[in-house]
Amino acid sequence: MAKILITSGPTRQYLDPVRFISNASSGEMGRWIARAAVKAGHDVTIVSGPVSIHYPPEARVIPVITTSEMLDACLREFDSSDGMIGVAAPCDYQPTTVSDHKIKKTGQPITLQLIQTPDIVATLGQQKRPDQWVVGFALETEDAHFRAVTKLEKKCCDLVVVNGPEAMSSSTNTVDIVDRAGEIVANFGGPKSVVGGAIFLEIQKRLIETRIAVSREE
């Protein structure tokens, strides 16, 4: 049995007490990957942004809102985990300032200045131990394979799952799985309930079982 950390859903970055920037991630893919991991007998912890879905009751769920909160929760959990699957779509940017009060209409344009948020998968990938593994997700609109390989190297991932923007808020998805050599080792399409299970089986075969075998030899 492996102890697996999964991130899922979107994050929110507030402009004022009632407005925020976010994205259309539903958490569906995270749910189905978590379900497959639980069914395989693993100990699963999910760090999830705001979603309306229900995760497997056997999994431990840590709810968060912002990208920084998601990173903090992951840093607390990662050291005791065997691996991490970064399914979440955290906001890449946050406002430089957050108003304490609701921003009023003035009839004039508002200039919004944004700075990058911490990269969760890269942070964990760069500090993982030799006995740990990290799987990232890459949502790309162009040059998908090249960008996925770049992310894999930059974020120190063992595998990257590549999909497109049509996956957002959809019940279906099509993905490629890219390994550390930059090769596409698997491709799946269909309902997320099926694709999520297939993705986890590849992770099980290529990362979890491999490390169990190495551990036994040692």
C-alpha atoms as a PDB file:
ATOM      1  CA  MET A   1       0.000   0.000   0.000  1.00  0.00           C
ATOM      2  CA  ALA A   2       1.227   3.482  -0.888  1.00  0.00           C
ATOM      3  CA  LYS A   3       0.416   6.767   0.794  1.00  0.00           C
ATOM      4  CA  ILE A   4      -0.677   9.081  -2.018  1.00  0.00           C
ATOM      5  CA  LEU A   5      -1.212  12.841  -1.994  1.00  0.00           C
ATOM      6  CA  ILE A   6      -3.570  14.226  -4.674  1.00  0.00           C
ATOM      7  CA  THR A   7      -4.360  17.861  -5.434  1.00  0.00           C
ATOM      8  CA  SER A   8      -7.688  18.562  -7.099  1.00  0.00           C
ATOM      9  CA  GLY A   9     -10.002  21.342  -8.233  1.00  0.00           C
ATOM     10  CA  PRO A  10      -9.348  25.061  -8.735  1.00  0.00           C
ATOM     11  CA  THR A  11      -8.054  27.702  -6.387  1.00  0.00           C
ATOM     12  CA  ARG A  12      -9.297  31.260  -5.924  1.00  0.00           C
ATOM     13  CA  GLN A  13      -7.358  34.495  -5.623  1.00  0.00           C
ATOM     14  CA  TYR A  14      -9.453  37.297  -4.190  1.00  0.00           C
ATOM     15  CA  LEU A  15      -9.619  40.875  -5.476  1.00  0.00           C
ATOM     16  CA  ASP A  16     -11.830  42.039  -2.620  1.00  0.00           C
ATOM     17  CA  PRO A  17     -14.045  40.279  -0.037  1.00  0.00           C
ATOM     18  CA  VAL A  18     -16.550  39.104  -2.687  1.00  0.00           C
ATOM     19  CA  ARG A  19     -14.694  38.900  -6.013  1.00  0.00           C
ATOM     20  CA  PHE A  20     -11.998  36.509  -7.104  1.00  0.00           C
ATOM     21  CA  ILE A  21     -10.201  35.101 -10.154  1.00  0.00           C
ATOM     22  CA  SER A  22     -10.325  31.368 -10.716  1.00  0.00           C
ATOM     23  CA  ASN A  23     -10.912  28.798 -13.471  1.00  0.00           C
ATOM     24  CA  ALA A  24     -13.457  26.203 -14.513  1.00  0.00           C
ATOM     25  CA  SER A  25     -11.795  23.141 -12.954  1.00  0.00           C
ATOM     26  CA  SER A  26     -14.504  20.887 -11.473  1.00  0.00           C
ATOM     27  CA  GLY A  27     -12.333  18.412  -9.554  1.00  0.00           C
ATOM     28  CA  GLU A  28     -13.850  15.519 -11.531  1.00  0.00           C
ATOM     29  CA  MET A  29     -10.540  14.092 -12.714  1.00  0.00           C
ATOM     30  CA  GLY A  30      -9.105  14.303  -9.214  1.00  0.00           C
ATOM     31  CA  ARG A  31     -12.145  12.478  -7.876  1.00  0.00           C
ATOM     32  CA  TRP A  32     -11.848   9.577 -10.312  1.00  0.00           C
ATOM     33  CA  ILE A  33      -8.104   9.206  -9.868  1.00  0.00           C
ATOM     34  CA  ALA A  34      -8.604   9.220  -6.101  1.00  0.00           C
ATOM     35  CA  ARG A  35     -11.367   6.623  -6.419  1.00  0.00           C
ATOM     36  CA  ALA A  36      -9.092   4.336  -8.431  1.00  0.00           C
ATOM     37  CA  ALA A  37      -6.302   4.746  -5.865  1.00  0.00           C
ATOM     38  CA  VAL A  38      -8.662   3.953  -2.984  1.00  0.00           C
ATOM     39  CA  LYS A  39     -10.022   0.890  -4.800  1.00  0.00           C
ATOM     40  CA  ALA A  40      -6.444  -0.318  -5.261  1.00  0.00           C
ATOM     41  CA  GLY A  41      -6.017  -0.248  -1.486  1.00  0.00           C
ATOM     42  CA  HIS A  42      -3.915   2.884  -1.102  1.00  0.00           C
ATOM     43  CA  ASP A  43      -4.046   5.541   1.617  1.00  0.00           C
ATOM     44  CA  VAL A  44      -5.230   8.704  -0.147  1.00  0.00           C
ATOM     45  CA  THR A  45      -5.175  12.328   0.984  1.00  0.00           C
ATOM     46  CA  ILE A  46      -6.793  14.956  -1.269  1.00  0.00           C
ATOM     47  CA  VAL A  47      -5.969  18.643  -1.006  1.00  0.00           C
ATOM     48  CA  SER A  48      -8.894  20.243  -2.806  1.00  0.00           C
ATOM     49  CA  GLY A  49      -9.902  23.717  -3.830  1.00  0.00           C
ATOM     50  CA  PRO A  50     -13.597  24.739  -3.828  1.00  0.00           C
ATOM     51  CA  VAL A  51     -15.672  22.130  -5.703  1.00  0.00           C
ATOM     52  CA  SER A  52     -19.269  20.905  -5.658  1.00  0.00           C
ATOM     53  CA  ILE A  53     -18.436  17.218  -6.136  1.00  0.00           C
ATOM     54  CA  HIS A  54     -18.009  14.519  -3.496  1.00  0.00           C
ATOM     55  CA  TYR A  55     -14.705  12.687  -3.143  1.00  0.00           C
ATOM     56  CA  PRO A  56     -14.462   9.009  -2.116  1.00  0.00           C
ATOM     57  CA  PRO A  57     -15.432   8.733   1.560  1.00  0.00           C
ATOM     58  CA  GLU A  58     -12.389   6.538   2.214  1.00  0.00           C
ATOM     59  CA  ALA A  59     -10.064   9.419   1.283  1.00  0.00           C
ATOM     60  CA  ARG A  60      -8.989  12.137   3.687  1.00  0.00           C
ATOM     61  CA  VAL A  61      -9.881  15.558   2.259  1.00  0.00           C
ATOM     62  CA  ILE A  62      -8.170  18.827   3.177  1.00  0.00           C
ATOM     63  CA  PRO A  63     -10.171  21.801   1.827  1.00  0.00           C
ATOM     64  CA  VAL A  64      -8.304  24.948   0.771  1.00  0.00           C
ATOM     65  CA  ILE A  65      -9.136  28.096  -1.177  1.00  0.00           C
ATOM     66  CA  THR A  66      -6.007  29.862  -2.421  1.00  0.00           C
ATOM     67  CA  THR A  67      -2.928  28.550  -4.181  1.00  0.00           C
ATOM     68  CA  SER A  68      -0.753  29.397  -1.188  1.00  0.00           C
ATOM     69  CA  GLU A  69      -3.089  27.453   1.100  1.00  0.00           C
ATOM     70  CA  MET A  70      -2.897  24.474  -1.250  1.00  0.00           C
ATOM     71  CA  LEU A  71       0.899  24.628  -1.266  1.00  0.00           C
ATOM     72  CA  ASP A  72       1.074  24.898   2.535  1.00  0.00           C
ATOM     73  CA  ALA A  73      -1.181  21.861   2.947  1.00  0.00           C
ATOM     74  CA  CYS A  74       0.869  19.871   0.443  1.00  0.00           C
ATOM     75  CA  LEU A  75       4.130  20.761   2.166  1.00  0.00           C
ATOM     76  CA  ARG A  76       2.707  19.458   5.453  1.00  0.00           C
ATOM     77  CA  GLU A  77       1.598  16.181   3.858  1.00  0.00           C
ATOM     78  CA  PHE A  78       4.261  15.438   1.257  1.00  0.00           C
ATOM     79  CA  ASP A  79       7.078  14.350   3.526  1.00  0.00           C
ATOM     80  CA  SER A  80       5.033  11.404   4.818  1.00  0.00           C
ATOM     81  CA  SER A  81       3.714  10.501   1.345  1.00  0.00           C
ATOM     82  CA  ASP A  82       5.138   8.042  -1.162  1.00  0.00           C
ATOM     83  CA  GLY A  83       4.049  10.160  -4.083  1.00  0.00           C
ATOM     84  CA  MET A  84       1.963  13.086  -5.282  1.00  0.00           C
ATOM     85  CA  ILE A  85      -0.435  13.485  -8.211  1.00  0.00           C
ATOM     86  CA  GLY A  86      -0.975  17.149  -9.091  1.00  0.00           C
ATOM     87  CA  VAL A  87      -4.391  17.098 -10.728  1.00  0.00           C
ATOM     88  CA  ALA A  88      -5.472  20.523  -9.438  1.00  0.00           C
ATOM     89  CA  ALA A  89      -5.641  23.633 -11.610  1.00  0.00           C
ATOM     90  CA  PRO A  90      -4.400  26.271  -9.162  1.00  0.00           C
ATOM     91  CA  CYS A  91      -4.439  29.938 -10.182  1.00  0.00           C
ATOM     92  CA  ASP A  92      -1.091  30.873 -11.702  1.00  0.00           C
ATOM     93  CA  TYR A  93      -1.495  34.537 -10.780  1.00  0.00           C
ATOM     94  CA  GLN A  94      -2.759  36.595  -7.867  1.00  0.00           C
ATOM     95  CA  PRO A  95      -3.444  40.333  -7.449  1.00  0.00           C
ATOM     96  CA  THR A  96      -0.609  42.354  -5.986  1.00  0.00           C
ATOM     97  CA  THR A  97      -3.117  43.924  -3.581  1.00  0.00           C
ATOM     98  CA  VAL A  98      -6.447  42.785  -2.165  1.00  0.00           C
ATOM     99  CA  SER A  99      -9.007  45.415  -1.198  1.00  0.00           C
ATOM    100  CA  ASP A 100     -10.399  45.208   2.335  1.00  0.00           C
ATOM    101  CA  HIS A 101     -13.733  46.475   1.029  1.00  0.00           C
ATOM    102  CA  LYS A 102     -15.876  45.698  -2.000  1.00  0.00           C
ATOM    103  CA  ILE A 103     -14.515  47.585  -5.000  1.00  0.00           C
ATOM    104  CA  LYS A 104     -17.109  50.160  -6.043  1.00  0.00           C
ATOM    105  CA  LYS A 105     -18.145  50.979  -9.596  1.00  0.00           C
ATOM    106  CA  THR A 106     -16.691  54.306 -10.762  1.00  0.00           C
ATOM    107  CA  GLY A 107     -17.420  54.199 -14.486  1.00  0.00           C
ATOM    108  CA  GLN A 108     -13.677  54.115 -15.105  1.00  0.00           C
ATOM    109  CA  PRO A 109     -11.420  51.210 -16.152  1.00  0.00           C
ATOM    110  CA  ILE A 110      -9.694  49.331 -13.354  1.00  0.00           C
ATOM    111  CA  THR A 111      -6.081  48.278 -13.749  1.00  0.00           C
ATOM    112  CA  LEU A 112      -5.369  44.873 -12.255  1.00  0.00           C
ATOM    113  CA  GLN A 113      -1.749  44.008 -11.490  1.00  0.00           C
ATOM    114  CA  LEU A 114      -0.943  40.325 -11.070  1.00  0.00           C
ATOM    115  CA  ILE A 115       2.063  38.394  -9.811  1.00  0.00           C
ATOM    116  CA  GLN A 116       2.753  34.688 -10.117  1.00  0.00           C
ATOM    117  CA  THR A 117       1.631  32.310  -7.405  1.00  0.00           C
ATOM    118  CA  PRO A 118       3.910  29.537  -6.106  1.00  0.00           C
ATOM    119  CA  ASP A 119       4.185  26.491  -8.380  1.00  0.00           C
ATOM    120  CA  ILE A 120       2.991  23.585  -6.238  1.00  0.00           C
ATOM    121  CA  VAL A 121       4.148  20.670  -8.391  1.00  0.00           C
ATOM    122  CA  ALA A 122       7.552  22.260  -9.049  1.00  0.00           C
ATOM    123  CA  THR A 123       8.081  22.963  -5.342  1.00  0.00           C
ATOM    124  CA  LEU A 124       7.328  19.369  -4.361  1.00  0.00           C
ATOM    125  CA  GLY A 125       9.175  17.898  -7.327  1.00  0.00           C
ATOM    126  CA  GLN A 126      12.329  19.803  -6.508  1.00  0.00           C
ATOM    127  CA  GLN A 127      12.358  18.601  -2.904  1.00  0.00           C
ATOM    128  CA  LYS A 128      11.240  14.995  -3.384  1.00  0.00           C
ATOM    129  CA  ARG A 129      13.422  12.229  -2.006  1.00  0.00           C
ATOM    130  CA  PRO A 130      14.778   9.446  -4.246  1.00  0.00           C
ATOM    131  CA  ASP A 131      12.063   7.131  -2.915  1.00  0.00           C
ATOM    132  CA  GLN A 132       9.258   9.563  -3.777  1.00  0.00           C
ATOM    133  CA  TRP A 133       7.547  10.262  -7.103  1.00  0.00           C
ATOM    134  CA  VAL A 134       5.601  13.190  -8.553  1.00  0.00           C
ATOM    135  CA  VAL A 135       3.061  13.201 -11.383  1.00  0.00           C
ATOM    136  CA  GLY A 136       2.084  16.526 -12.922  1.00  0.00           C
ATOM    137  CA  PHE A 137      -0.748  17.592 -15.216  1.00  0.00           C
ATOM    138  CA  ALA A 138      -0.253  19.973 -18.136  1.00  0.00           C
ATOM    139  CA  LEU A 139      -3.200  21.734 -19.749  1.00  0.00           C
ATOM    140  CA  GLU A 140      -1.959  23.140 -23.044  1.00  0.00           C
ATOM    141  CA  THR A 141      -3.520  24.957 -25.993  1.00  0.00           C
ATOM    142  CA  GLU A 142      -0.520  24.699 -28.353  1.00  0.00           C
ATOM    143  CA  ASP A 143       2.732  22.734 -28.738  1.00  0.00           C
ATOM    144  CA  ALA A 144       1.339  20.363 -26.124  1.00  0.00           C
ATOM    145  CA  HIS A 145       4.062  17.706 -26.265  1.00  0.00           C
ATOM    146  CA  PHE A 146       6.974  20.156 -26.258  1.00  0.00           C
ATOM    147  CA  ARG A 147       5.504  22.143 -23.384  1.00  0.00           C
ATOM    148  CA  ALA A 148       4.762  18.969 -21.433  1.00  0.00           C
ATOM    149  CA  VAL A 149       8.369  17.779 -21.748  1.00  0.00           C
ATOM    150  CA  THR A 150       9.597  21.214 -20.662  1.00  0.00           C
ATOM    151  CA  LYS A 151       7.324  21.133 -17.614  1.00  0.00           C
ATOM    152  CA  LEU A 152       8.372  17.581 -16.795  1.00  0.00           C
ATOM    153  CA  GLU A 153      12.025  18.584 -16.657  1.00  0.00           C
ATOM    154  CA  LYS A 154      11.479  21.932 -14.935  1.00  0.00           C
ATOM    155  CA  LYS A 155       9.200  20.495 -12.266  1.00  0.00           C
ATOM    156  CA  CYS A 156      11.213  17.280 -11.717  1.00  0.00           C
ATOM    157  CA  CYS A 157       8.194  15.085 -12.483  1.00  0.00           C
ATOM    158  CA  ASP A 158       8.309  11.360 -13.131  1.00  0.00           C
ATOM    159  CA  LEU A 159       5.288  11.488 -15.444  1.00  0.00           C
ATOM    160  CA  VAL A 160       3.192  14.293 -16.936  1.00  0.00           C
ATOM    161  CA  VAL A 161      -0.433  13.910 -18.016  1.00  0.00           C
ATOM    162  CA  VAL A 162      -1.244  16.210 -20.947  1.00  0.00           C
ATOM    163  CA  ASN A 163      -4.736  17.434 -21.803  1.00  0.00           C
ATOM    164  CA  GLY A 164      -6.431  20.430 -23.423  1.00  0.00           C
ATOM    165  CA  PRO A 165      -8.804  23.194 -22.268  1.00  0.00           C
ATOM    166  CA  GLU A 166     -11.817  21.145 -23.371  1.00  0.00           C
ATOM    167  CA  ALA A 167     -11.258  19.062 -20.240  1.00  0.00           C
ATOM    168  CA  MET A 168     -12.438  21.925 -18.022  1.00  0.00           C
ATOM    169  CA  SER A 169     -15.947  21.358 -16.615  1.00  0.00           C
ATOM    170  CA  SER A 170     -16.409  18.395 -18.953  1.00  0.00           C
ATOM    171  CA  SER A 171     -17.403  14.818 -18.164  1.00  0.00           C
ATOM    172  CA  THR A 172     -14.954  13.529 -20.789  1.00  0.00           C
ATOM    173  CA  ASN A 173     -11.241  13.955 -21.438  1.00  0.00           C
ATOM    174  CA  THR A 174      -8.449  12.866 -23.751  1.00  0.00           C
ATOM    175  CA  VAL A 175      -4.929  12.634 -22.343  1.00  0.00           C
ATOM    176  CA  ASP A 176      -1.387  11.632 -23.220  1.00  0.00           C
ATOM    177  CA  ILE A 177       1.016  10.415 -20.555  1.00  0.00           C
ATOM    178  CA  VAL A 178       4.637  11.465 -21.073  1.00  0.00           C
ATOM    179  CA  ASP A 179       7.558   9.833 -19.263  1.00  0.00           C
ATOM    180  CA  ARG A 180      10.921  11.261 -18.214  1.00  0.00           C
ATOM    181  CA  ALA A 181      12.427  10.355 -21.588  1.00  0.00           C
ATOM    182  CA  GLY A 182       9.846  12.589 -23.272  1.00  0.00           C
ATOM    183  CA  GLU A 183       8.019   9.641 -24.798  1.00  0.00           C
ATOM    184  CA  ILE A 184       4.241   9.305 -24.937  1.00  0.00           C
ATOM    185  CA  VAL A 185       3.746   6.021 -23.094  1.00  0.00           C
ATOM    186  CA  ALA A 186      -0.060   5.959 -23.002  1.00  0.00           C
ATOM    187  CA  ASN A 187      -3.098   7.701 -24.471  1.00  0.00           C
ATOM    188  CA  PHE A 188      -6.664   7.561 -23.174  1.00  0.00           C
ATOM    189  CA  GLY A 189      -9.964   9.146 -24.092  1.00  0.00           C
ATOM    190  CA  GLY A 190     -13.551   8.903 -22.909  1.00  0.00           C
ATOM    191  CA  PRO A 191     -15.523   9.579 -19.725  1.00  0.00           C
ATOM    192  CA  LYS A 192     -13.390  10.938 -16.904  1.00  0.00           C
ATOM    193  CA  SER A 193     -14.521   8.033 -14.746  1.00  0.00           C
ATOM    194  CA  VAL A 194     -12.746   5.706 -17.200  1.00  0.00           C
ATOM    195  CA  VAL A 195      -9.792   7.947 -18.048  1.00  0.00           C
ATOM    196  CA  GLY A 196      -9.068   8.666 -14.384  1.00  0.00           C
ATOM    197  CA  GLY A 197      -8.906   4.961 -13.626  1.00  0.00           C
ATOM    198  CA  ALA A 198      -6.647   4.324 -16.617  1.00  0.00           C
ATOM    199  CA  ILE A 199      -4.292   7.131 -15.588  1.00  0.00           C
ATOM    200  CA  PHE A 200      -3.953   5.690 -12.110  1.00  0.00           C
ATOM    201  CA  LEU A 201      -3.249   2.195 -13.460  1.00  0.00           C
ATOM    202  CA  GLU A 202      -0.312   3.654 -15.402  1.00  0.00           C
ATOM    203  CA  ILE A 203       0.954   5.389 -12.259  1.00  0.00           C
ATOM    204  CA  GLN A 204       0.539   2.136 -10.341  1.00  0.00           C
ATOM    205  CA  LYS A 205       2.471   0.163 -12.949  1.00  0.00           C
ATOM    206  CA  ARG A 206       5.221   2.646 -13.743  1.00  0.00           C
ATOM    207  CA  LEU A 207       5.880   4.266 -10.358  1.00  0.00           C
ATOM    208  CA  ILE A 208       4.293   2.520  -7.379  1.00  0.00           C
ATOM    209  CA  GLU A 209       5.011  -1.111  -8.304  1.00  0.00           C
ATOM    210  CA  THR A 210       8.511  -0.231  -9.556  1.00  0.00           C
ATOM    211  CA  ARG A 211       9.470   1.352  -6.249  1.00  0.00           C
ATOM    212  CA  ILE A 212       7.975  -1.519  -4.270  1.00  0.00           C
ATOM    213  CA  ALA A 213      10.097  -3.945  -6.308  1.00  0.00           C
ATOM    214  CA  VAL A 214      13.254  -1.890  -5.734  1.00  0.00           C
ATOM    215  CA  SER A 215      12.531  -1.688  -2.012  1.00  0.00           C
ATOM    216  CA  ARG A 216      12.181  -5.467  -1.779  1.00  0.00           C
ATOM    217  CA  GLU A 217      15.484  -5.995  -3.581  1.00  0.00           C
ATOM    218  CA  GLU A 218      17.224  -3.682  -1.139  1.00  0.00           C
END
